Amino acid sequence: MTFPKIGNIAPAFSLKNQDEKLVCLKDFKGKKNVVLYFYPKASTPGCTTQACGIRDAFVEFKNMDTVVLGVSPDAPAKLTKFIQKQSLNFDLLSDEDHAIADKYGVWSLKQFMGKEFMGIVRTSFIIDKEGRLRHILDKVNTKTHDQDLLRILQSGI
């Protein structure tokens, strides 16, 4: 796995959200910091814990001029169900062909119950208002993810 370099312009993306509307990194330039977090699969226990933590901290992220975007290989329809079931208040993006996950270096060989497969390695990227990558959180604890991100943002990106 090779991540983009901190300090460089973050890899551009244009992905459909749960409503099949295109969301682009450039839309936030000059306006908002972006937390781009990659997660393996909607509606699984760890991903639900992680998303609900972000949902509950939404106001804190907003107060720091930060938008949070979750990215997975799930189709928009599955993302819609996940958002509705968990009352999520932020966009989830569909990267079905994992092209953006590849750009960010998070599509990798994984192991689970003795089987190997390709998938998303849970990782978060903090991108500043100018579109530069400022922090990579690659040791994600789903239970504390939202607070870990807020601490990083509070310390200054």
C-alpha atoms as a PDB file:
ATOM      1  CA  MET A   1       0.000   0.000   0.000  1.00  0.00           C
ATOM      2  CA  THR A   2       1.343   3.388  -0.980  1.00  0.00           C
ATOM      3  CA  PHE A   3      -0.507   6.451   0.260  1.00  0.00           C
ATOM      4  CA  PRO A   4      -0.348   9.852  -1.419  1.00  0.00           C
ATOM      5  CA  LYS A   5       2.300  12.107   0.118  1.00  0.00           C
ATOM      6  CA  ILE A   6       1.343  14.460   2.940  1.00  0.00           C
ATOM      7  CA  GLY A   7       1.692  18.071   1.793  1.00  0.00           C
ATOM      8  CA  ASN A   8       0.865  17.279  -1.820  1.00  0.00           C
ATOM      9  CA  ILE A   9      -2.404  18.091  -3.521  1.00  0.00           C
ATOM     10  CA  ALA A  10      -4.820  15.270  -2.656  1.00  0.00           C
ATOM     11  CA  PRO A  11      -5.840  13.011  -5.546  1.00  0.00           C
ATOM     12  CA  ALA A  12      -8.925  14.421  -7.250  1.00  0.00           C
ATOM     13  CA  PHE A  13     -12.164  12.498  -7.217  1.00  0.00           C
ATOM     14  CA  SER A  14     -15.703  12.688  -8.576  1.00  0.00           C
ATOM     15  CA  LEU A  15     -17.992  10.036  -7.137  1.00  0.00           C
ATOM     16  CA  LYS A  16     -21.730   9.536  -6.883  1.00  0.00           C
ATOM     17  CA  ASN A  17     -23.246   9.860  -3.438  1.00  0.00           C
ATOM     18  CA  GLN A  18     -26.197   7.943  -2.015  1.00  0.00           C
ATOM     19  CA  ASP A  19     -28.563  10.115  -4.084  1.00  0.00           C
ATOM     20  CA  GLU A  20     -26.518   9.496  -7.252  1.00  0.00           C
ATOM     21  CA  LYS A  21     -25.359  13.132  -7.260  1.00  0.00           C
ATOM     22  CA  LEU A  22     -21.756  13.749  -8.231  1.00  0.00           C
ATOM     23  CA  VAL A  23     -19.510  14.924  -5.384  1.00  0.00           C
ATOM     24  CA  CYS A  24     -16.083  16.276  -6.353  1.00  0.00           C
ATOM     25  CA  LEU A  25     -13.120  17.213  -4.179  1.00  0.00           C
ATOM     26  CA  LYS A  26     -12.795  20.496  -6.095  1.00  0.00           C
ATOM     27  CA  ASP A  27     -16.275  21.506  -4.851  1.00  0.00           C
ATOM     28  CA  PHE A  28     -14.792  22.122  -1.386  1.00  0.00           C
ATOM     29  CA  LYS A  29     -11.629  23.978  -2.401  1.00  0.00           C
ATOM     30  CA  GLY A  30     -11.357  27.307  -0.628  1.00  0.00           C
ATOM     31  CA  LYS A  31     -14.460  26.512   1.453  1.00  0.00           C
ATOM     32  CA  LYS A  32     -14.093  23.429   3.660  1.00  0.00           C
ATOM     33  CA  ASN A  33     -11.585  20.957   5.025  1.00  0.00           C
ATOM     34  CA  VAL A  34     -12.448  17.421   3.965  1.00  0.00           C
ATOM     35  CA  VAL A  35     -12.225  14.216   5.946  1.00  0.00           C
ATOM     36  CA  LEU A  36     -12.261  11.426   3.380  1.00  0.00           C
ATOM     37  CA  TYR A  37     -12.662   8.118   5.124  1.00  0.00           C
ATOM     38  CA  PHE A  38     -12.582   4.770   3.387  1.00  0.00           C
ATOM     39  CA  TYR A  39     -14.505   1.870   4.917  1.00  0.00           C
ATOM     40  CA  PRO A  40     -14.993  -1.696   3.664  1.00  0.00           C
ATOM     41  CA  LYS A  41     -18.766  -2.225   3.535  1.00  0.00           C
ATOM     42  CA  ALA A  42     -21.965  -0.441   4.550  1.00  0.00           C
ATOM     43  CA  SER A  43     -24.127  -1.926   7.309  1.00  0.00           C
ATOM     44  CA  THR A  44     -21.417  -4.128   8.813  1.00  0.00           C
ATOM     45  CA  PRO A  45     -20.807  -3.812  12.581  1.00  0.00           C
ATOM     46  CA  GLY A  46     -17.504  -1.900  12.478  1.00  0.00           C
ATOM     47  CA  CYS A  47     -18.579   0.387   9.655  1.00  0.00           C
ATOM     48  CA  THR A  48     -21.855   1.139  11.447  1.00  0.00           C
ATOM     49  CA  THR A  49     -20.044   2.017  14.681  1.00  0.00           C
ATOM     50  CA  GLN A  50     -17.661   4.262  12.745  1.00  0.00           C
ATOM     51  CA  ALA A  51     -20.430   6.039  10.795  1.00  0.00           C
ATOM     52  CA  CYS A  52     -22.634   6.571  13.855  1.00  0.00           C
ATOM     53  CA  GLY A  53     -19.730   8.192  15.711  1.00  0.00           C
ATOM     54  CA  ILE A  54     -19.302  10.657  12.852  1.00  0.00           C
ATOM     55  CA  ARG A  55     -23.065  11.243  12.768  1.00  0.00           C
ATOM     56  CA  ASP A  56     -23.064  12.066  16.478  1.00  0.00           C
ATOM     57  CA  ALA A  57     -20.092  14.458  16.117  1.00  0.00           C
ATOM     58  CA  PHE A  58     -21.490  16.174  13.002  1.00  0.00           C
ATOM     59  CA  VAL A  59     -21.845  19.593  14.662  1.00  0.00           C
ATOM     60  CA  GLU A  60     -18.259  19.509  15.918  1.00  0.00           C
ATOM     61  CA  PHE A  61     -16.955  18.790  12.396  1.00  0.00           C
ATOM     62  CA  LYS A  62     -19.199  21.534  10.988  1.00  0.00           C
ATOM     63  CA  ASN A  63     -17.881  24.018  13.571  1.00  0.00           C
ATOM     64  CA  MET A  64     -14.360  23.276  12.298  1.00  0.00           C
ATOM     65  CA  ASP A  65     -15.338  24.011   8.675  1.00  0.00           C
ATOM     66  CA  THR A  66     -14.959  20.329   7.887  1.00  0.00           C
ATOM     67  CA  VAL A  67     -17.092  18.064   5.740  1.00  0.00           C
ATOM     68  CA  VAL A  68     -16.883  14.297   6.229  1.00  0.00           C
ATOM     69  CA  LEU A  69     -17.277  11.954   3.267  1.00  0.00           C
ATOM     70  CA  GLY A  70     -17.331   8.169   3.606  1.00  0.00           C
ATOM     71  CA  VAL A  71     -16.173   6.072   0.643  1.00  0.00           C
ATOM     72  CA  SER A  72     -16.840   2.383   0.004  1.00  0.00           C
ATOM     73  CA  PRO A  73     -17.283   0.071  -2.992  1.00  0.00           C
ATOM     74  CA  ASP A  74     -21.029  -0.139  -2.268  1.00  0.00           C
ATOM     75  CA  ALA A  75     -23.589   0.933  -4.871  1.00  0.00           C
ATOM     76  CA  PRO A  76     -25.547   4.161  -4.219  1.00  0.00           C
ATOM     77  CA  ALA A  77     -28.755   2.208  -3.428  1.00  0.00           C
ATOM     78  CA  LYS A  78     -26.989   0.323  -0.622  1.00  0.00           C
ATOM     79  CA  LEU A  79     -25.579   3.602   0.704  1.00  0.00           C
ATOM     80  CA  THR A  80     -29.101   5.062   0.780  1.00  0.00           C
ATOM     81  CA  LYS A  81     -30.332   2.158   2.901  1.00  0.00           C
ATOM     82  CA  PHE A  82     -27.371   2.527   5.269  1.00  0.00           C
ATOM     83  CA  ILE A  83     -28.001   6.264   5.672  1.00  0.00           C
ATOM     84  CA  GLN A  84     -31.718   5.764   6.285  1.00  0.00           C
ATOM     85  CA  LYS A  85     -31.284   2.900   8.746  1.00  0.00           C
ATOM     86  CA  GLN A  86     -28.632   4.746  10.804  1.00  0.00           C
ATOM     87  CA  SER A  87     -29.986   8.315  10.329  1.00  0.00           C
ATOM     88  CA  LEU A  88     -26.617   9.427   8.959  1.00  0.00           C
ATOM     89  CA  ASN A  89     -26.228  13.155   8.307  1.00  0.00           C
ATOM     90  CA  PHE A  90     -23.296  13.182   5.870  1.00  0.00           C
ATOM     91  CA  ASP A  91     -22.627  11.921   2.352  1.00  0.00           C
ATOM     92  CA  LEU A  92     -21.428   8.438   1.529  1.00  0.00           C
ATOM     93  CA  LEU A  93     -19.724   7.998  -1.830  1.00  0.00           C
ATOM     94  CA  SER A  94     -19.797   4.988  -4.116  1.00  0.00           C
ATOM     95  CA  ASP A  95     -16.451   3.787  -5.492  1.00  0.00           C
ATOM     96  CA  GLU A  96     -17.710   0.571  -7.089  1.00  0.00           C
ATOM     97  CA  ASP A  97     -14.695   0.123  -9.360  1.00  0.00           C
ATOM     98  CA  HIS A  98     -12.345   1.117  -6.480  1.00  0.00           C
ATOM     99  CA  ALA A  99     -10.542   3.624  -8.741  1.00  0.00           C
ATOM    100  CA  ILE A 100     -10.388   6.274  -5.998  1.00  0.00           C
ATOM    101  CA  ALA A 101      -9.410   3.700  -3.378  1.00  0.00           C
ATOM    102  CA  ASP A 102      -6.536   2.775  -5.717  1.00  0.00           C
ATOM    103  CA  LYS A 103      -5.502   6.450  -6.041  1.00  0.00           C
ATOM    104  CA  TYR A 104      -5.420   6.791  -2.256  1.00  0.00           C
ATOM    105  CA  GLY A 105      -3.569   3.496  -1.789  1.00  0.00           C
ATOM    106  CA  VAL A 106      -6.270   1.792   0.293  1.00  0.00           C
ATOM    107  CA  TRP A 107      -7.304  -1.010  -2.103  1.00  0.00           C
ATOM    108  CA  SER A 108      -5.170  -3.905  -0.958  1.00  0.00           C
ATOM    109  CA  LEU A 109      -4.898  -7.592  -0.241  1.00  0.00           C
ATOM    110  CA  LYS A 110      -6.697  -8.479   2.996  1.00  0.00           C
ATOM    111  CA  GLN A 111      -7.192 -11.602   5.049  1.00  0.00           C
ATOM    112  CA  PHE A 112     -10.285 -12.717   6.926  1.00  0.00           C
ATOM    113  CA  MET A 113     -10.954 -16.143   8.400  1.00  0.00           C
ATOM    114  CA  GLY A 114      -8.062 -17.648   6.467  1.00  0.00           C
ATOM    115  CA  LYS A 115      -9.154 -16.270   3.093  1.00  0.00           C
ATOM    116  CA  GLU A 116      -7.333 -13.640   1.061  1.00  0.00           C
ATOM    117  CA  PHE A 117      -9.176 -11.076  -1.031  1.00  0.00           C
ATOM    118  CA  MET A 118      -8.837  -7.541  -2.346  1.00  0.00           C
ATOM    119  CA  GLY A 119     -10.690  -4.838  -0.446  1.00  0.00           C
ATOM    120  CA  ILE A 120     -10.613  -1.467   1.284  1.00  0.00           C
ATOM    121  CA  VAL A 121      -8.212  -1.005   4.159  1.00  0.00           C
ATOM    122  CA  ARG A 122      -9.955   1.298   6.633  1.00  0.00           C
ATOM    123  CA  THR A 123      -8.079   4.616   6.351  1.00  0.00           C
ATOM    124  CA  SER A 124      -8.895   8.323   6.734  1.00  0.00           C
ATOM    125  CA  PHE A 125      -7.381  11.334   5.000  1.00  0.00           C
ATOM    126  CA  ILE A 126      -7.625  14.946   6.140  1.00  0.00           C
ATOM    127  CA  ILE A 127      -7.474  17.448   3.287  1.00  0.00           C
ATOM    128  CA  ASP A 128      -7.222  21.183   3.946  1.00  0.00           C
ATOM    129  CA  LYS A 129      -9.235  23.948   2.287  1.00  0.00           C
ATOM    130  CA  GLU A 130      -6.587  24.331  -0.410  1.00  0.00           C
ATOM    131  CA  GLY A 131      -6.843  20.667  -1.374  1.00  0.00           C
ATOM    132  CA  ARG A 132      -3.576  19.536   0.248  1.00  0.00           C
ATOM    133  CA  LEU A 133      -3.318  16.274   2.101  1.00  0.00           C
ATOM    134  CA  ARG A 134      -2.515  17.127   5.729  1.00  0.00           C
ATOM    135  CA  HIS A 135      -2.914  13.898   7.684  1.00  0.00           C
ATOM    136  CA  ILE A 136      -3.386  10.160   7.153  1.00  0.00           C
ATOM    137  CA  LEU A 137      -5.009   8.063   9.864  1.00  0.00           C
ATOM    138  CA  ASP A 138      -4.205   4.474   8.940  1.00  0.00           C
ATOM    139  CA  LYS A 139      -4.673   2.843  12.340  1.00  0.00           C
ATOM    140  CA  VAL A 140      -8.417   3.384  12.655  1.00  0.00           C
ATOM    141  CA  ASN A 141     -10.331   2.384  15.768  1.00  0.00           C
ATOM    142  CA  THR A 142     -13.989   2.341  14.714  1.00  0.00           C
ATOM    143  CA  LYS A 143     -15.155   3.175  18.241  1.00  0.00           C
ATOM    144  CA  THR A 144     -13.010   6.313  18.605  1.00  0.00           C
ATOM    145  CA  HIS A 145     -12.596   7.323  14.953  1.00  0.00           C
ATOM    146  CA  ASP A 146     -14.694  10.495  15.188  1.00  0.00           C
ATOM    147  CA  GLN A 147     -12.881  11.719  18.328  1.00  0.00           C
ATOM    148  CA  ASP A 148      -9.477  10.814  16.882  1.00  0.00           C
ATOM    149  CA  LEU A 149     -10.262  12.919  13.788  1.00  0.00           C
ATOM    150  CA  LEU A 150     -11.521  15.822  15.884  1.00  0.00           C
ATOM    151  CA  ARG A 151      -8.323  15.797  17.974  1.00  0.00           C
ATOM    152  CA  ILE A 152      -6.218  15.955  14.812  1.00  0.00           C
ATOM    153  CA  LEU A 153      -8.324  18.800  13.416  1.00  0.00           C
ATOM    154  CA  GLN A 154      -8.179  20.707  16.718  1.00  0.00           C
ATOM    155  CA  SER A 155      -4.393  20.406  16.811  1.00  0.00           C
ATOM    156  CA  GLY A 156      -4.252  22.237  13.512  1.00  0.00           C
ATOM    157  CA  ILE A 157      -3.878  20.760  10.099  1.00  0.00           C
END
